[in-house]
């Protein structure tokens, strides 16, 4: 699937929030969407990615952010915000979410 297939709620909760922090984080979530068959799988894998990034060492973060790792505390704050957003979206039944198609 592509990020265009996400509901507006999920797109805003993850993609838009990631972009507020750093474009490379947005890119990582966007690439993740291509590994998913549907929105629920994307949300679940996003939660796993957040967990990995929260505990990543500086070398891995440099890889993820193409040689320029962000401040770890600010990254964790951004990831916590995305996690909070995901929790809100998960309370919205899929049939009540808004899709462009």
PDB file of N, CA and C in Angstrom:
ATOM      1  N   UNK A   1       0.843  -1.180   0.000  1.00  0.00           N
ATOM      2  CA  UNK A   1       0.000   0.000   0.000  1.00  0.00           C
ATOM      3  C   UNK A   1       0.885   1.238   0.000  1.00  0.00           C
ATOM      4  N   UNK A   2       0.295   2.359  -0.199  1.00  0.00           N
ATOM      5  CA  UNK A   2       0.978   3.648  -0.252  1.00  0.00           C
ATOM      6  C   UNK A   2       0.370   4.555   0.820  1.00  0.00           C
ATOM      7  N   UNK A   3       1.060   5.599   1.201  1.00  0.00           N
ATOM      8  CA  UNK A   3       0.499   6.519   2.196  1.00  0.00           C
ATOM      9  C   UNK A   3      -0.792   7.174   1.701  1.00  0.00           C
ATOM     10  N   UNK A   4      -0.990   7.231   0.392  1.00  0.00           N
ATOM     11  CA  UNK A   4      -2.241   7.780  -0.152  1.00  0.00           C
ATOM     12  C   UNK A   4      -3.440   6.901   0.194  1.00  0.00           C
ATOM     13  N   UNK A   5      -3.181   5.643   0.562  1.00  0.00           N
ATOM     14  CA  UNK A   5      -4.253   4.718   0.912  1.00  0.00           C
ATOM     15  C   UNK A   5      -4.672   4.820   2.373  1.00  0.00           C
ATOM     16  N   UNK A   6      -3.945   5.595   3.155  1.00  0.00           N
ATOM     17  CA  UNK A   6      -4.260   5.756   4.573  1.00  0.00           C
ATOM     18  C   UNK A   6      -5.466   6.671   4.772  1.00  0.00           C
ATOM     19  N   UNK A   7      -6.168   6.452   5.861  1.00  0.00           N
ATOM     20  CA  UNK A   7      -7.249   7.373   6.206  1.00  0.00           C
ATOM     21  C   UNK A   7      -6.629   8.727   6.554  1.00  0.00           C
ATOM     22  N   UNK A   8      -7.451   9.748   6.467  1.00  0.00           N
ATOM     23  CA  UNK A   8      -6.973  11.084   6.815  1.00  0.00           C
ATOM     24  C   UNK A   8      -6.523  11.135   8.270  1.00  0.00           C
ATOM     25  N   UNK A   9      -7.208  10.397   9.127  1.00  0.00           N
ATOM     26  CA  UNK A   9      -6.867  10.393  10.547  1.00  0.00           C
ATOM     27  C   UNK A   9      -5.488   9.772  10.793  1.00  0.00           C
ATOM     28  N   UNK A  10      -5.229   8.646  10.149  1.00  0.00           N
ATOM     29  CA  UNK A  10      -3.943   7.975  10.329  1.00  0.00           C
ATOM     30  C   UNK A  10      -2.825   8.764   9.672  1.00  0.00           C
ATOM     31  N   UNK A  11      -3.081   9.305   8.505  1.00  0.00           N
ATOM     32  CA  UNK A  11      -2.076  10.103   7.808  1.00  0.00           C
ATOM     33  C   UNK A  11      -1.646  11.297   8.668  1.00  0.00           C
ATOM     34  N   UNK A  12      -2.621  11.975   9.226  1.00  0.00           N
ATOM     35  CA  UNK A  12      -2.314  13.137  10.061  1.00  0.00           C
ATOM     36  C   UNK A  12      -1.597  12.714  11.341  1.00  0.00           C
ATOM     37  N   UNK A  13      -2.037  11.627  11.942  1.00  0.00           N
ATOM     38  CA  UNK A  13      -1.468  11.168  13.208  1.00  0.00           C
ATOM     39  C   UNK A  13      -0.015  10.754  13.085  1.00  0.00           C
ATOM     40  N   UNK A  14       0.347  10.157  11.954  1.00  0.00           N
ATOM     41  CA  UNK A  14       1.700   9.624  11.804  1.00  0.00           C
ATOM     42  C   UNK A  14       2.533  10.447  10.827  1.00  0.00           C
ATOM     43  N   UNK A  15       2.094  10.545   9.613  1.00  0.00           N
ATOM     44  CA  UNK A  15       2.898  11.164   8.553  1.00  0.00           C
ATOM     45  C   UNK A  15       3.071  12.664   8.799  1.00  0.00           C
ATOM     46  N   UNK A  16       1.975  13.354   9.043  1.00  0.00           N
ATOM     47  CA  UNK A  16       2.062  14.801   9.261  1.00  0.00           C
ATOM     48  C   UNK A  16       2.865  15.106  10.524  1.00  0.00           C
ATOM     49  N   UNK A  17       2.625  14.335  11.571  1.00  0.00           N
ATOM     50  CA  UNK A  17       3.360  14.566  12.824  1.00  0.00           C
ATOM     51  C   UNK A  17       4.846  14.280  12.657  1.00  0.00           C
ATOM     52  N   UNK A  18       5.185  13.237  11.910  1.00  0.00           N
ATOM     53  CA  UNK A  18       6.599  12.933  11.650  1.00  0.00           C
ATOM     54  C   UNK A  18       7.247  14.071  10.866  1.00  0.00           C
ATOM     55  N   UNK A  19       6.523  14.620   9.907  1.00  0.00           N
ATOM     56  CA  UNK A  19       7.062  15.720   9.085  1.00  0.00           C
ATOM     57  C   UNK A  19       7.316  16.961   9.928  1.00  0.00           C
ATOM     58  N   UNK A  20       6.517  17.181  10.943  1.00  0.00           N
ATOM     59  CA  UNK A  20       6.736  18.320  11.838  1.00  0.00           C
ATOM     60  C   UNK A  20       8.098  18.221  12.518  1.00  0.00           C
ATOM     61  N   UNK A  21       8.537  16.984  12.739  1.00  0.00           N
ATOM     62  CA  UNK A  21       9.820  16.786  13.403  1.00  0.00           C
ATOM     63  C   UNK A  21      10.977  16.788  12.404  1.00  0.00           C
ATOM     64  N   UNK A  22      10.884  15.937  11.372  1.00  0.00           N
ATOM     65  CA  UNK A  22      12.008  15.809  10.441  1.00  0.00           C
ATOM     66  C   UNK A  22      11.544  15.047   9.200  1.00  0.00           C
ATOM     67  N   UNK A  23      11.924  15.552   8.044  1.00  0.00           N
ATOM     68  CA  UNK A  23      11.506  14.918   6.790  1.00  0.00           C
ATOM     69  C   UNK A  23      11.987  13.468   6.688  1.00  0.00           C
ATOM     70  N   UNK A  24      13.176  13.187   7.206  1.00  0.00           N
ATOM     71  CA  UNK A  24      13.695  11.817   7.125  1.00  0.00           C
ATOM     72  C   UNK A  24      12.856  10.842   7.949  1.00  0.00           C
ATOM     73  N   UNK A  25      12.269  11.305   9.040  1.00  0.00           N
ATOM     74  CA  UNK A  25      11.371  10.456   9.816  1.00  0.00           C
ATOM     75  C   UNK A  25      10.107  10.170   9.004  1.00  0.00           C
ATOM     76  N   UNK A  26       9.613  11.180   8.327  1.00  0.00           N
ATOM     77  CA  UNK A  26       8.460  11.010   7.453  1.00  0.00           C
ATOM     78  C   UNK A  26       8.766   9.972   6.386  1.00  0.00           C
ATOM     79  N   UNK A  27       9.934  10.072   5.809  1.00  0.00           N
ATOM     80  CA  UNK A  27      10.351   9.128   4.771  1.00  0.00           C
ATOM     81  C   UNK A  27      10.348   7.704   5.302  1.00  0.00           C
ATOM     82  N   UNK A  28      10.833   7.493   6.505  1.00  0.00           N
ATOM     83  CA  UNK A  28      10.880   6.139   7.083  1.00  0.00           C
ATOM     84  C   UNK A  28       9.481   5.568   7.277  1.00  0.00           C
ATOM     85  N   UNK A  29       8.562   6.388   7.752  1.00  0.00           N
ATOM     86  CA  UNK A  29       7.182   5.908   7.889  1.00  0.00           C
ATOM     87  C   UNK A  29       6.552   5.686   6.510  1.00  0.00           C
ATOM     88  N   UNK A  30       6.863   6.550   5.572  1.00  0.00           N
ATOM     89  CA  UNK A  30       6.340   6.374   4.217  1.00  0.00           C
ATOM     90  C   UNK A  30       6.820   5.085   3.588  1.00  0.00           C
ATOM     91  N   UNK A  31       8.096   4.791   3.737  1.00  0.00           N
ATOM     92  CA  UNK A  31       8.641   3.540   3.202  1.00  0.00           C
ATOM     93  C   UNK A  31       8.018   2.332   3.883  1.00  0.00           C
ATOM     94  N   UNK A  32       7.721   2.472   5.147  1.00  0.00           N
ATOM     95  CA  UNK A  32       7.088   1.391   5.892  1.00  0.00           C
ATOM     96  C   UNK A  32       5.733   1.027   5.285  1.00  0.00           C
ATOM     97  N   UNK A  33       5.024   2.005   4.781  1.00  0.00           N
ATOM     98  CA  UNK A  33       3.690   1.749   4.235  1.00  0.00           C
ATOM     99  C   UNK A  33       3.728   0.764   3.061  1.00  0.00           C
ATOM    100  N   UNK A  34       4.822   0.765   2.309  1.00  0.00           N
ATOM    101  CA  UNK A  34       4.924  -0.138   1.158  1.00  0.00           C
ATOM    102  C   UNK A  34       5.056  -1.597   1.580  1.00  0.00           C
ATOM    103  N   UNK A  35       5.377  -1.837   2.850  1.00  0.00           N
ATOM    104  CA  UNK A  35       5.507  -3.197   3.365  1.00  0.00           C
ATOM    105  C   UNK A  35       4.201  -3.709   3.977  1.00  0.00           C
ATOM    106  N   UNK A  36       3.143  -2.898   3.891  1.00  0.00           N
ATOM    107  CA  UNK A  36       1.892  -3.227   4.570  1.00  0.00           C
ATOM    108  C   UNK A  36       0.770  -3.479   3.577  1.00  0.00           C
ATOM    109  N   UNK A  37      -0.136  -4.376   3.965  1.00  0.00           N
ATOM    110  CA  UNK A  37      -1.267  -4.688   3.094  1.00  0.00           C
ATOM    111  C   UNK A  37      -2.472  -3.780   3.356  1.00  0.00           C
ATOM    112  N   UNK A  38      -2.537  -3.210   4.576  1.00  0.00           N
ATOM    113  CA  UNK A  38      -3.665  -2.338   4.892  1.00  0.00           C
ATOM    114  C   UNK A  38      -3.279  -1.365   6.017  1.00  0.00           C
ATOM    115  N   UNK A  39      -4.212  -0.508   6.353  1.00  0.00           N
ATOM    116  CA  UNK A  39      -3.958   0.522   7.357  1.00  0.00           C
ATOM    117  C   UNK A  39      -3.666  -0.060   8.739  1.00  0.00           C
ATOM    118  N   UNK A  40      -4.383  -1.090   9.131  1.00  0.00           N
ATOM    119  CA  UNK A  40      -4.146  -1.685  10.444  1.00  0.00           C
ATOM    120  C   UNK A  40      -2.727  -2.227  10.559  1.00  0.00           C
ATOM    121  N   UNK A  41      -2.242  -2.871   9.513  1.00  0.00           N
ATOM    122  CA  UNK A  41      -0.875  -3.373   9.533  1.00  0.00           C
ATOM    123  C   UNK A  41       0.120  -2.213   9.592  1.00  0.00           C
ATOM    124  N   UNK A  42      -0.166  -1.138   8.865  1.00  0.00           N
ATOM    125  CA  UNK A  42       0.703   0.038   8.904  1.00  0.00           C
ATOM    126  C   UNK A  42       0.779   0.619  10.313  1.00  0.00           C
ATOM    127  N   UNK A  43      -0.346   0.725  10.974  1.00  0.00           N
ATOM    128  CA  UNK A  43      -0.378   1.256  12.342  1.00  0.00           C
ATOM    129  C   UNK A  43       0.437   0.352  13.263  1.00  0.00           C
ATOM    130  N   UNK A  44       0.243  -0.948  13.154  1.00  0.00           N
ATOM    131  CA  UNK A  44       0.981  -1.888  14.007  1.00  0.00           C
ATOM    132  C   UNK A  44       2.489  -1.810  13.753  1.00  0.00           C
ATOM    133  N   UNK A  45       2.884  -1.748  12.500  1.00  0.00           N
ATOM    134  CA  UNK A  45       4.310  -1.667  12.183  1.00  0.00           C
ATOM    135  C   UNK A  45       4.890  -0.302  12.572  1.00  0.00           C
ATOM    136  N   UNK A  46       4.071   0.726  12.529  1.00  0.00           N
ATOM    137  CA  UNK A  46       4.525   2.052  12.970  1.00  0.00           C
ATOM    138  C   UNK A  46       4.837   2.038  14.450  1.00  0.00           C
ATOM    139  N   UNK A  47       4.018   1.357  15.216  1.00  0.00           N
ATOM    140  CA  UNK A  47       4.256   1.237  16.654  1.00  0.00           C
ATOM    141  C   UNK A  47       5.579   0.509  16.898  1.00  0.00           C
ATOM    142  N   UNK A  48       5.835  -0.536  16.139  1.00  0.00           N
ATOM    143  CA  UNK A  48       7.095  -1.269  16.279  1.00  0.00           C
ATOM    144  C   UNK A  48       8.291  -0.395  15.888  1.00  0.00           C
ATOM    145  N   UNK A  49       8.151   0.372  14.805  1.00  0.00           N
ATOM    146  CA  UNK A  49       9.226   1.272  14.382  1.00  0.00           C
ATOM    147  C   UNK A  49       9.519   2.302  15.467  1.00  0.00           C
ATOM    148  N   UNK A  50       8.491   2.834  16.057  1.00  0.00           N
ATOM    149  CA  UNK A  50       8.667   3.802  17.143  1.00  0.00           C
ATOM    150  C   UNK A  50       9.464   3.169  18.280  1.00  0.00           C
ATOM    151  N   UNK A  51       9.134   1.944  18.639  1.00  0.00           N
ATOM    152  CA  UNK A  51       9.859   1.241  19.695  1.00  0.00           C
ATOM    153  C   UNK A  51      11.330   1.066  19.367  1.00  0.00           C
ATOM    154  N   UNK A  52      11.620   0.718  18.132  1.00  0.00           N
ATOM    155  CA  UNK A  52      13.010   0.558  17.703  1.00  0.00           C
ATOM    156  C   UNK A  52      13.747   1.887  17.780  1.00  0.00           C
ATOM    157  N   UNK A  53      13.128   2.940  17.281  1.00  0.00           N
ATOM    158  CA  UNK A  53      13.788   4.247  17.252  1.00  0.00           C
ATOM    159  C   UNK A  53      14.002   4.828  18.641  1.00  0.00           C
ATOM    160  N   UNK A  54      13.091   4.555  19.551  1.00  0.00           N
ATOM    161  CA  UNK A  54      13.236   5.081  20.906  1.00  0.00           C
ATOM    162  C   UNK A  54      14.485   4.543  21.606  1.00  0.00           C
ATOM    163  N   UNK A  55      14.877   3.333  21.251  1.00  0.00           N
ATOM    164  CA  UNK A  55      16.016   2.705  21.925  1.00  0.00           C
ATOM    165  C   UNK A  55      17.241   2.563  21.016  1.00  0.00           C
ATOM    166  N   UNK A  56      17.198   3.212  19.874  1.00  0.00           N
ATOM    167  CA  UNK A  56      18.297   3.106  18.915  1.00  0.00           C
ATOM    168  C   UNK A  56      19.529   3.864  19.411  1.00  0.00           C
ATOM    169  N   UNK A  57      20.687   3.317  19.075  1.00  0.00           N
ATOM    170  CA  UNK A  57      21.925   4.019  19.427  1.00  0.00           C
ATOM    171  C   UNK A  57      22.214   5.090  18.381  1.00  0.00           C
ATOM    172  N   UNK A  58      23.201   5.909  18.644  1.00  0.00           N
ATOM    173  CA  UNK A  58      23.493   7.043  17.765  1.00  0.00           C
ATOM    174  C   UNK A  58      23.903   6.602  16.359  1.00  0.00           C
ATOM    175  N   UNK A  59      24.606   5.480  16.243  1.00  0.00           N
ATOM    176  CA  UNK A  59      25.018   4.996  14.918  1.00  0.00           C
ATOM    177  C   UNK A  59      23.804   4.622  14.078  1.00  0.00           C
ATOM    178  N   UNK A  60      22.833   3.955  14.684  1.00  0.00           N
ATOM    179  CA  UNK A  60      21.630   3.579  13.947  1.00  0.00           C
ATOM    180  C   UNK A  60      20.813   4.819  13.579  1.00  0.00           C
ATOM    181  N   UNK A  61      20.744   5.780  14.489  1.00  0.00           N
ATOM    182  CA  UNK A  61      20.005   7.008  14.185  1.00  0.00           C
ATOM    183  C   UNK A  61      20.674   7.787  13.057  1.00  0.00           C
ATOM    184  N   UNK A  62      21.982   7.767  13.014  1.00  0.00           N
ATOM    185  CA  UNK A  62      22.676   8.415  11.893  1.00  0.00           C
ATOM    186  C   UNK A  62      22.313   7.726  10.580  1.00  0.00           C
ATOM    187  N   UNK A  63      22.184   6.421  10.604  1.00  0.00           N
ATOM    188  CA  UNK A  63      21.759   5.681   9.408  1.00  0.00           C
ATOM    189  C   UNK A  63      20.337   6.077   9.018  1.00  0.00           C
ATOM    190  N   UNK A  64      19.440   6.079   9.977  1.00  0.00           N
ATOM    191  CA  UNK A  64      18.028   6.408   9.719  1.00  0.00           C
ATOM    192  C   UNK A  64      17.872   7.834   9.199  1.00  0.00           C
ATOM    193  N   UNK A  65      18.668   8.746   9.740  1.00  0.00           N
ATOM    194  CA  UNK A  65      18.560  10.155   9.375  1.00  0.00           C
ATOM    195  C   UNK A  65      19.682  10.581   8.425  1.00  0.00           C
ATOM    196  N   UNK A  66      20.164   9.645   7.642  1.00  0.00           N
ATOM    197  CA  UNK A  66      21.121   9.905   6.562  1.00  0.00           C
ATOM    198  C   UNK A  66      22.324  10.735   7.003  1.00  0.00           C
ATOM    199  N   UNK A  67      22.942  10.293   8.103  1.00  0.00           N
ATOM    200  CA  UNK A  67      24.183  10.910   8.552  1.00  0.00           C
ATOM    201  C   UNK A  67      24.037  12.070   9.507  1.00  0.00           C
ATOM    202  N   UNK A  68      22.817  12.499   9.788  1.00  0.00           N
ATOM    203  CA  UNK A  68      22.613  13.641  10.682  1.00  0.00           C
ATOM    204  C   UNK A  68      21.552  13.293  11.722  1.00  0.00           C
ATOM    205  N   UNK A  69      21.969  12.561  12.721  1.00  0.00           N
ATOM    206  CA  UNK A  69      21.036  12.155  13.772  1.00  0.00           C
ATOM    207  C   UNK A  69      20.524  13.372  14.536  1.00  0.00           C
ATOM    208  N   UNK A  70      19.219  13.418  14.798  1.00  0.00           N
ATOM    209  CA  UNK A  70      18.660  14.531  15.566  1.00  0.00           C
ATOM    210  C   UNK A  70      18.951  14.360  17.054  1.00  0.00           C
ATOM    211  N   UNK A  71      18.657  15.377  17.814  1.00  0.00           N
ATOM    212  CA  UNK A  71      18.760  15.313  19.264  1.00  0.00           C
ATOM    213  C   UNK A  71      17.855  14.176  19.757  1.00  0.00           C
ATOM    214  N   UNK A  72      18.419  13.273  20.527  1.00  0.00           N
ATOM    215  CA  UNK A  72      17.694  12.070  20.966  1.00  0.00           C
ATOM    216  C   UNK A  72      16.466  12.413  21.803  1.00  0.00           C
ATOM    217  N   UNK A  73      16.571  13.380  22.697  1.00  0.00           N
ATOM    218  CA  UNK A  73      15.419  13.737  23.533  1.00  0.00           C
ATOM    219  C   UNK A  73      14.283  14.328  22.700  1.00  0.00           C
ATOM    220  N   UNK A  74      14.619  15.145  21.726  1.00  0.00           N
ATOM    221  CA  UNK A  74      13.589  15.715  20.855  1.00  0.00           C
ATOM    222  C   UNK A  74      12.951  14.634  19.987  1.00  0.00           C
ATOM    223  N   UNK A  75      13.755  13.685  19.541  1.00  0.00           N
ATOM    224  CA  UNK A  75      13.227  12.561  18.771  1.00  0.00           C
ATOM    225  C   UNK A  75      12.247  11.762  19.626  1.00  0.00           C
ATOM    226  N   UNK A  76      12.630  11.463  20.851  1.00  0.00           N
ATOM    227  CA  UNK A  76      11.746  10.700  21.728  1.00  0.00           C
ATOM    228  C   UNK A  76      10.440  11.450  21.975  1.00  0.00           C
ATOM    229  N   UNK A  77      10.511  12.759  22.146  1.00  0.00           N
ATOM    230  CA  UNK A  77       9.285  13.563  22.312  1.00  0.00           C
ATOM    231  C   UNK A  77       8.388  13.445  21.081  1.00  0.00           C
ATOM    232  N   UNK A  78       8.983  13.533  19.904  1.00  0.00           N
ATOM    233  CA  UNK A  78       8.213  13.420  18.664  1.00  0.00           C
ATOM    234  C   UNK A  78       7.593  12.027  18.539  1.00  0.00           C
ATOM    235  N   UNK A  79       8.351  11.004  18.870  1.00  0.00           N
ATOM    236  CA  UNK A  79       7.841   9.636  18.792  1.00  0.00           C
ATOM    237  C   UNK A  79       6.719   9.402  19.803  1.00  0.00           C
ATOM    238  N   UNK A  80       6.836   9.993  20.969  1.00  0.00           N
ATOM    239  CA  UNK A  80       5.766   9.881  21.965  1.00  0.00           C
ATOM    240  C   UNK A  80       4.496  10.569  21.482  1.00  0.00           C
ATOM    241  N   UNK A  81       4.651  11.693  20.820  1.00  0.00           N
ATOM    242  CA  UNK A  81       3.483  12.394  20.262  1.00  0.00           C
ATOM    243  C   UNK A  81       2.815  11.531  19.191  1.00  0.00           C
ATOM    244  N   UNK A  82       3.620  10.925  18.333  1.00  0.00           N
ATOM    245  CA  UNK A  82       3.063  10.045  17.299  1.00  0.00           C
ATOM    246  C   UNK A  82       2.364   8.853  17.953  1.00  0.00           C
ATOM    247  N   UNK A  83       2.972   8.275  18.973  1.00  0.00           N
ATOM    248  CA  UNK A  83       2.350   7.151  19.695  1.00  0.00           C
ATOM    249  C   UNK A  83       1.009   7.558  20.298  1.00  0.00           C
ATOM    250  N   UNK A  84       0.980   8.736  20.894  1.00  0.00           N
ATOM    251  CA  UNK A  84      -0.268   9.261  21.459  1.00  0.00           C
ATOM    252  C   UNK A  84      -1.323   9.413  20.363  1.00  0.00           C
ATOM    253  N   UNK A  85      -0.911   9.943  19.226  1.00  0.00           N
ATOM    254  CA  UNK A  85      -1.832  10.109  18.096  1.00  0.00           C
ATOM    255  C   UNK A  85      -2.364   8.762  17.616  1.00  0.00           C
ATOM    256  N   UNK A  86      -1.472   7.781  17.543  1.00  0.00           N
ATOM    257  CA  UNK A  86      -1.881   6.443  17.104  1.00  0.00           C
ATOM    258  C   UNK A  86      -2.920   5.865  18.065  1.00  0.00           C
ATOM    259  N   UNK A  87      -2.707   6.036  19.350  1.00  0.00           N
ATOM    260  CA  UNK A  87      -3.666   5.536  20.338  1.00  0.00           C
ATOM    261  C   UNK A  87      -5.048   6.134  20.111  1.00  0.00           C
ATOM    262  N   UNK A  88      -5.094   7.419  19.783  1.00  0.00           N
ATOM    263  CA  UNK A  88      -6.378   8.074  19.496  1.00  0.00           C
ATOM    264  C   UNK A  88      -7.024   7.481  18.244  1.00  0.00           C
ATOM    265  N   UNK A  89      -6.219   7.279  17.193  1.00  0.00           N
ATOM    266  CA  UNK A  89      -6.747   6.746  15.937  1.00  0.00           C
ATOM    267  C   UNK A  89      -7.275   5.330  16.130  1.00  0.00           C
ATOM    268  N   UNK A  90      -6.597   4.544  16.950  1.00  0.00           N
ATOM    269  CA  UNK A  90      -7.023   3.162  17.153  1.00  0.00           C
ATOM    270  C   UNK A  90      -8.411   3.075  17.796  1.00  0.00           C
ATOM    271  N   UNK A  91      -8.845   4.143  18.441  1.00  0.00           N
ATOM    272  CA  UNK A  91     -10.185   4.163  19.033  1.00  0.00           C
ATOM    273  C   UNK A  91     -11.270   4.488  18.006  1.00  0.00           C
ATOM    274  N   UNK A  92     -10.858   4.876  16.814  1.00  0.00           N
ATOM    275  CA  UNK A  92     -11.816   5.182  15.744  1.00  0.00           C
ATOM    276  C   UNK A  92     -11.976   3.920  14.904  1.00  0.00           C
ATOM    277  N   UNK A  93     -13.172   3.368  14.846  1.00  0.00           N
ATOM    278  CA  UNK A  93     -13.373   2.185  14.000  1.00  0.00           C
ATOM    279  C   UNK A  93     -12.998   2.501  12.550  1.00  0.00           C
ATOM    280  N   UNK A  94     -12.429   1.537  11.876  1.00  0.00           N
ATOM    281  CA  UNK A  94     -11.954   1.745  10.505  1.00  0.00           C
ATOM    282  C   UNK A  94     -13.066   2.267   9.597  1.00  0.00           C
ATOM    283  N   UNK A  95     -14.284   1.814   9.816  1.00  0.00           N
ATOM    284  CA  UNK A  95     -15.401   2.257   8.964  1.00  0.00           C
ATOM    285  C   UNK A  95     -15.819   3.702   9.242  1.00  0.00           C
ATOM    286  N   UNK A  96     -15.336   4.275  10.327  1.00  0.00           N
ATOM    287  CA  UNK A  96     -15.651   5.680  10.648  1.00  0.00           C
ATOM    288  C   UNK A  96     -14.513   6.625  10.272  1.00  0.00           C
ATOM    289  N   UNK A  97     -13.419   6.070   9.781  1.00  0.00           N
ATOM    290  CA  UNK A  97     -12.302   6.900   9.320  1.00  0.00           C
ATOM    291  C   UNK A  97     -12.597   7.392   7.914  1.00  0.00           C
ATOM    292  N   UNK A  98     -11.950   8.473   7.540  1.00  0.00           N
ATOM    293  CA  UNK A  98     -12.207   9.114   6.255  1.00  0.00           C
ATOM    294  C   UNK A  98     -11.076   8.811   5.266  1.00  0.00           C
ATOM    295  N   UNK A  99     -11.463   8.262   4.120  1.00  0.00           N
ATOM    296  CA  UNK A  99     -10.518   7.913   3.061  1.00  0.00           C
ATOM    297  C   UNK A  99     -10.822   8.745   1.819  1.00  0.00           C
ATOM    298  N   UNK A 100      -9.794   8.992   1.025  1.00  0.00           N
ATOM    299  CA  UNK A 100      -9.975   9.761  -0.205  1.00  0.00           C
ATOM    300  C   UNK A 100     -10.603   8.935  -1.320  1.00  0.00           C
ATOM    301  N   UNK A 101     -10.596   7.637  -1.198  1.00  0.00           N
ATOM    302  CA  UNK A 101     -11.144   6.815  -2.292  1.00  0.00           C
ATOM    303  C   UNK A 101     -12.479   6.246  -1.941  1.00  0.00           C
TER     304      UNK A 101
END
